[in-house]
Amino acid sequence: MTSPRATSPVAGTGTDALLAAVRGGVRLVELGHPHFTGMPCSPNHPGFRMTLIRRHGDMVRPDGGSAANEIIVTGGHVGTHVDALSHVSHDGLMHGGVDAAAAQTGGVFRELGAEHTPALLTRGVLLDVAAARGVDVLPAGYGVTADDLEAAAERAGARPGPGDVALVRTGWARHFDNPSVYLGQQDGVPGATPEAGRWLAEAGVVAAGADTTAFEQIQPGAGHSVLPVHRILLVEAGIHILEHLALETAAAEGLTEFTFVMAPLRIVGGTGSPIRPVAAVAA
């Protein structure tokens, strides 16, 4: 007696609903910055460096072929990236009450490492706080409140909910090519206040991100000394944080809600990963 064989649709019939939708025409809008040597980087993290380690002509094969390759050195929280739940602890505990000291053994995290950060294919909502306040860019050091997020959601006609990704636009990415301004070491950086963090947590989002270096409000001269929203989202709520987003194109195109796609690297025991997030919209 032969074993039953699994049947599959004829190639090209498009019986899968998601595949059919993709074949109907999808356009991808970049939501992140490219990585390059010298890009803005928080002083808390080692910067991104890339250089060719082998150039064409360094080694030529008998048939004339040659290959080039590079070496990359970077921190996990440089450029557009996602925070793993191991990134932040409070009073010695990470999300779910995991003991941070016990988990970080052998140079890696044994629990809540970056390999557990999920790839996402879900609904994204752009909360354009700058536009809701009638400006191109929020002022340096401005604290984004829960009322600001409410106003941005009302403007978008879309409210983030359970399992969604909420992206907060401050307009600050316009300063990305000016590291001293973008990092805000003197004048600060706009970002979410604790009450805005709680608003996001109550919404039940799986991840929240912004077009700034630290997601939350950095007041003038304060640096990154205290980051309460990281505690609220990562430690208390188990919500991943996306930083250094590039939201200007999405805002210019009037995107409000869309299919959000993100795939982090599965870095075992890490605290974060570079990502290339995109918004998928009908062509």
Protein backbone atom coordinates (compact mmCIF):
# COMPACT_ATOMS: atom_id res chain seq x y z
CA MET A 1 0.00 0.00 0.00
CA THR A 2 1.46 3.29 -1.03
CA SER A 3 1.54 6.27 1.30
CA PRO A 4 -0.87 9.11 0.49
CA ARG A 5 0.75 12.04 -1.25
CA ALA A 6 0.14 15.66 -0.31
CA THR A 7 -1.39 17.53 -3.17
CA SER A 8 -0.45 21.07 -4.12
CA PRO A 9 -1.99 23.60 -6.49
CA VAL A 10 -0.59 23.91 -9.97
CA ALA A 11 2.20 26.47 -10.02
CA GLY A 12 0.93 29.90 -10.96
CA THR A 13 -2.72 29.37 -10.03
CA GLY A 14 -2.42 31.79 -7.09
CA THR A 15 -4.76 29.89 -4.78
CA ASP A 16 -3.11 31.36 -1.67
CA ALA A 17 -4.93 34.58 -0.75
CA LEU A 18 -1.78 36.44 0.34
CA LEU A 19 0.13 35.37 -2.77
CA ALA A 20 -2.79 36.46 -4.92
CA ALA A 21 -2.79 39.86 -3.24
CA VAL A 22 0.94 40.25 -3.85
CA ARG A 23 0.54 39.29 -7.50
CA GLY A 24 -2.13 41.95 -7.75
CA GLY A 25 0.60 44.55 -7.30
CA VAL A 26 2.43 45.67 -4.17
CA ARG A 27 4.75 48.63 -3.70
CA LEU A 28 7.31 48.76 -0.89
CA VAL A 29 8.03 52.02 0.94
CA GLU A 30 11.30 52.10 2.88
CA LEU A 31 10.94 52.92 6.57
CA GLY A 32 14.62 52.76 7.53
CA HIS A 33 17.96 54.38 6.81
CA PRO A 34 20.81 52.72 4.91
CA HIS A 35 23.80 51.72 7.03
CA PHE A 36 27.08 53.51 6.29
CA THR A 37 30.35 54.27 8.03
CA GLY A 38 30.05 57.47 10.01
CA MET A 39 26.27 57.33 10.39
CA PRO A 40 24.84 58.93 13.57
CA CYS A 41 25.17 56.65 16.57
CA SER A 42 24.29 57.01 20.24
CA PRO A 43 27.41 57.37 22.41
CA ASN A 44 26.13 54.37 24.36
CA HIS A 45 26.82 52.03 21.43
CA PRO A 46 29.77 51.12 19.19
CA GLY A 47 29.34 52.65 15.75
CA PHE A 48 28.89 51.03 12.36
CA ARG A 49 32.01 50.39 10.28
CA MET A 50 32.27 48.68 6.91
CA THR A 51 35.28 48.31 4.64
CA LEU A 52 36.29 46.07 1.78
CA ILE A 53 38.51 43.30 3.10
CA ARG A 54 39.09 41.87 -0.37
CA ARG A 55 38.96 43.88 -3.59
CA HIS A 56 38.54 42.78 -7.18
CA GLY A 57 41.96 41.84 -8.43
CA ASP A 58 43.38 40.89 -5.01
CA MET A 59 42.85 37.29 -6.04
CA VAL A 60 42.09 36.24 -9.60
CA ARG A 61 40.94 32.73 -10.43
CA PRO A 62 42.42 30.79 -13.36
CA ASP A 63 39.38 31.62 -15.50
CA GLY A 64 39.73 35.37 -14.83
CA GLY A 65 37.01 35.56 -12.20
CA SER A 66 37.45 37.70 -9.10
CA ALA A 67 35.34 38.48 -6.04
CA ALA A 68 35.20 41.27 -3.50
CA ASN A 69 33.87 41.14 0.06
CA GLU A 70 33.71 43.25 3.19
CA ILE A 71 34.05 43.19 6.94
CA ILE A 72 31.30 44.78 9.05
CA VAL A 73 31.65 45.84 12.69
CA THR A 74 28.60 47.24 14.43
CA GLY A 75 26.65 47.40 17.64
CA GLY A 76 23.19 45.87 17.67
CA HIS A 77 21.57 49.27 18.31
CA VAL A 78 23.09 51.26 15.46
CA GLY A 79 21.07 52.63 12.58
CA THR A 80 17.53 51.39 12.01
CA HIS A 81 17.14 48.55 14.50
CA VAL A 82 14.86 46.73 16.92
CA ASP A 83 15.41 46.30 20.66
CA ALA A 84 15.18 42.76 22.01
CA LEU A 85 13.52 42.30 25.39
CA SER A 86 16.95 41.61 26.91
CA HIS A 87 18.03 45.18 26.18
CA VAL A 88 16.72 46.82 29.36
CA SER A 89 16.23 45.76 32.97
CA HIS A 90 14.77 47.56 35.98
CA ASP A 91 15.86 46.83 39.53
CA GLY A 92 17.73 43.84 38.14
CA LEU A 93 14.76 42.29 36.36
CA MET A 94 13.87 42.07 32.67
CA HIS A 95 10.47 41.39 31.12
CA GLY A 96 8.51 38.66 32.85
CA GLY A 97 10.62 38.92 36.00
CA VAL A 98 13.69 37.35 34.41
CA ASP A 99 16.79 37.94 36.53
CA ALA A 100 19.11 39.98 34.30
CA ALA A 101 22.35 38.98 36.01
CA ALA A 102 21.52 35.28 35.91
CA ALA A 103 20.47 35.46 32.25
CA GLN A 104 23.60 37.19 30.94
CA THR A 105 26.18 34.41 31.19
CA GLY A 106 28.99 33.45 28.84
CA GLY A 107 28.81 36.71 26.94
CA VAL A 108 25.22 36.17 25.77
CA PHE A 109 21.69 36.29 27.11
CA ARG A 110 20.27 32.85 27.87
CA GLU A 111 16.77 34.29 27.91
CA LEU A 112 14.99 37.02 25.92
CA GLY A 113 17.82 37.27 23.38
CA ALA A 114 17.48 38.84 19.95
CA GLU A 115 16.86 35.45 18.33
CA HIS A 116 13.41 35.57 19.95
CA THR A 117 12.48 38.95 18.45
CA PRO A 118 9.71 38.09 15.98
CA ALA A 119 9.68 38.78 12.29
CA LEU A 120 6.58 40.85 11.64
CA LEU A 121 3.98 40.91 8.89
CA THR A 122 1.21 42.92 10.46
CA ARG A 123 -0.77 46.15 10.40
CA GLY A 124 1.29 49.31 10.78
CA VAL A 125 -0.11 52.69 11.80
CA LEU A 126 1.76 55.94 11.19
CA LEU A 127 1.12 58.44 13.97
CA ASP A 128 2.36 61.68 12.43
CA VAL A 129 2.61 63.86 15.53
CA ALA A 130 4.52 66.60 13.71
CA ALA A 131 1.79 66.96 11.09
CA ALA A 132 -0.93 66.82 13.74
CA ARG A 133 0.74 69.78 15.42
CA GLY A 134 1.09 71.62 12.10
CA VAL A 135 4.89 71.54 11.86
CA ASP A 136 7.46 69.78 9.71
CA VAL A 137 9.67 68.87 12.68
CA LEU A 138 8.91 68.85 16.39
CA PRO A 139 11.15 71.11 18.51
CA ALA A 140 14.30 69.70 20.09
CA GLY A 141 13.51 68.12 23.45
CA TYR A 142 9.74 68.14 22.87
CA GLY A 143 7.81 65.57 24.89
CA VAL A 144 5.23 63.66 22.85
CA THR A 145 2.17 63.15 25.07
CA ALA A 146 -0.73 60.73 25.02
CA ASP A 147 -2.88 63.59 23.72
CA ASP A 148 -0.42 64.04 20.84
CA LEU A 149 -0.80 60.36 19.93
CA GLU A 150 -4.59 60.66 20.17
CA ALA A 151 -4.52 63.67 17.86
CA ALA A 152 -2.25 61.87 15.38
CA ALA A 153 -4.50 58.80 15.40
CA GLU A 154 -7.55 60.98 14.79
CA ARG A 155 -5.78 62.73 11.94
CA ALA A 156 -4.83 59.38 10.41
CA GLY A 157 -8.28 57.90 10.88
CA ALA A 158 -6.51 54.84 12.26
CA ARG A 159 -5.86 53.78 15.84
CA PRO A 160 -3.21 51.16 16.70
CA GLY A 161 -4.52 48.05 18.41
CA PRO A 162 -3.44 44.61 19.60
CA GLY A 163 -0.70 43.09 17.46
CA ASP A 164 -0.12 46.28 15.46
CA VAL A 165 3.07 48.32 15.04
CA ALA A 166 2.80 52.02 15.89
CA LEU A 167 5.29 54.35 14.21
CA VAL A 168 5.63 57.84 15.69
CA ARG A 169 6.81 60.55 13.31
CA THR A 170 8.47 63.61 14.85
CA GLY A 171 10.14 64.79 11.64
CA TRP A 172 13.52 64.51 13.37
CA ALA A 173 14.90 62.21 10.64
CA ARG A 174 15.34 65.36 8.55
CA HIS A 175 18.41 65.98 10.73
CA PHE A 176 19.92 62.53 10.12
CA ASP A 177 22.72 63.96 7.97
CA ASN A 178 23.70 66.34 10.77
CA PRO A 179 24.79 64.02 13.62
CA SER A 180 25.36 66.73 16.23
CA VAL A 181 21.78 67.96 15.83
CA TYR A 182 20.24 64.52 15.29
CA LEU A 183 21.76 63.03 18.45
CA GLY A 184 20.72 66.08 20.47
CA GLN A 185 23.52 66.02 23.00
CA GLN A 186 23.06 69.75 23.72
CA ASP A 187 19.54 70.70 22.64
CA GLY A 188 17.75 67.38 23.11
CA VAL A 189 15.56 65.22 20.88
CA PRO A 190 11.76 65.02 20.66
CA GLY A 191 10.17 61.79 21.73
CA ALA A 192 7.59 59.91 23.74
CA THR A 193 6.94 60.74 27.38
CA PRO A 194 6.04 58.04 29.92
CA GLU A 195 2.32 58.76 29.49
CA ALA A 196 2.69 58.24 25.74
CA GLY A 197 4.48 54.98 26.46
CA ARG A 198 1.57 53.84 28.62
CA TRP A 199 -0.87 54.85 25.87
CA LEU A 200 1.00 52.56 23.47
CA ALA A 201 1.15 49.75 26.02
CA GLU A 202 -2.59 50.00 26.66
CA ALA A 203 -3.18 49.81 22.91
CA GLY A 204 -1.52 46.38 22.95
CA VAL A 205 0.91 47.00 20.08
CA VAL A 206 3.60 44.40 19.45
CA ALA A 207 6.18 47.06 18.63
CA ALA A 208 6.50 50.85 18.62
CA GLY A 209 9.05 52.95 16.80
CA ALA A 210 10.11 56.48 16.01
CA ASP A 211 12.37 58.48 13.70
CA THR A 212 14.81 59.37 16.49
CA THR A 213 17.84 57.93 18.24
CA ALA A 214 16.19 56.82 21.49
CA PHE A 215 12.42 56.75 20.81
CA GLU A 216 11.69 58.82 23.90
CA GLN A 217 12.08 62.45 24.96
CA ILE A 218 15.68 63.56 25.46
CA GLN A 219 15.69 66.91 27.19
CA PRO A 220 18.43 69.51 26.59
CA GLY A 221 21.70 68.53 28.22
CA ALA A 222 20.26 65.34 29.73
CA GLY A 223 21.75 62.89 27.26
CA HIS A 224 20.47 59.32 27.56
CA SER A 225 20.76 59.26 31.35
CA VAL A 226 17.18 58.14 32.08
CA LEU A 227 14.94 56.24 29.64
CA PRO A 228 11.61 55.55 31.39
CA VAL A 229 9.70 54.65 28.23
CA HIS A 230 12.12 51.79 27.58
CA ARG A 231 11.20 50.43 31.00
CA ILE A 232 7.46 50.77 30.32
CA LEU A 233 7.57 49.13 26.90
CA LEU A 234 10.39 46.58 27.08
CA VAL A 235 10.36 45.55 30.75
CA GLU A 236 6.75 46.01 31.83
CA ALA A 237 4.80 45.40 28.62
CA GLY A 238 7.13 43.24 26.50
CA ILE A 239 6.78 45.60 23.53
CA HIS A 240 9.72 45.86 21.13
CA ILE A 241 11.11 49.31 20.27
CA LEU A 242 12.25 50.40 16.80
CA GLU A 243 14.65 53.33 16.54
CA HIS A 244 16.27 55.45 13.82
CA LEU A 245 13.30 55.01 11.47
CA ALA A 246 13.01 57.02 8.25
CA LEU A 247 9.39 58.11 8.00
CA GLU A 248 9.57 61.12 5.69
CA THR A 249 8.66 59.26 2.50
CA ALA A 250 5.77 57.46 4.17
CA ALA A 251 4.47 60.76 5.52
CA ALA A 252 4.89 62.55 2.18
CA GLU A 253 2.87 59.79 0.50
CA GLY A 254 0.11 60.15 3.07
CA LEU A 255 0.39 56.65 4.48
CA THR A 256 -1.68 56.09 7.60
CA GLU A 257 -2.24 52.33 7.90
CA PHE A 258 -0.46 49.69 5.86
CA THR A 259 1.07 46.23 5.91
CA PHE A 260 4.23 46.44 7.98
CA VAL A 261 7.09 44.04 7.23
CA MET A 262 10.19 43.57 9.39
CA ALA A 263 12.76 40.79 9.64
CA PRO A 264 15.43 41.09 12.35
CA LEU A 265 18.60 39.04 12.36
CA ARG A 266 18.36 36.07 14.73
CA ILE A 267 21.40 37.01 16.81
CA VAL A 268 21.57 34.39 19.53
CA GLY A 269 21.84 36.01 22.95
CA GLY A 270 21.94 39.54 21.55
CA THR A 271 20.09 42.64 22.74
CA GLY A 272 19.11 44.10 19.37
CA SER A 273 19.33 43.69 15.63
CA PRO A 274 19.61 45.83 12.51
CA ILE A 275 16.41 45.73 10.44
CA ARG A 276 15.10 46.88 7.08
CA PRO A 277 11.42 47.70 7.73
CA VAL A 278 9.06 48.44 4.85
CA ALA A 279 5.44 49.41 4.34
CA ALA A 280 3.72 47.27 1.74
CA VAL A 281 0.91 49.10 -0.06
CA ALA A 282 -1.16 48.37 -3.14
CA ALA A 283 0.57 49.50 -6.32
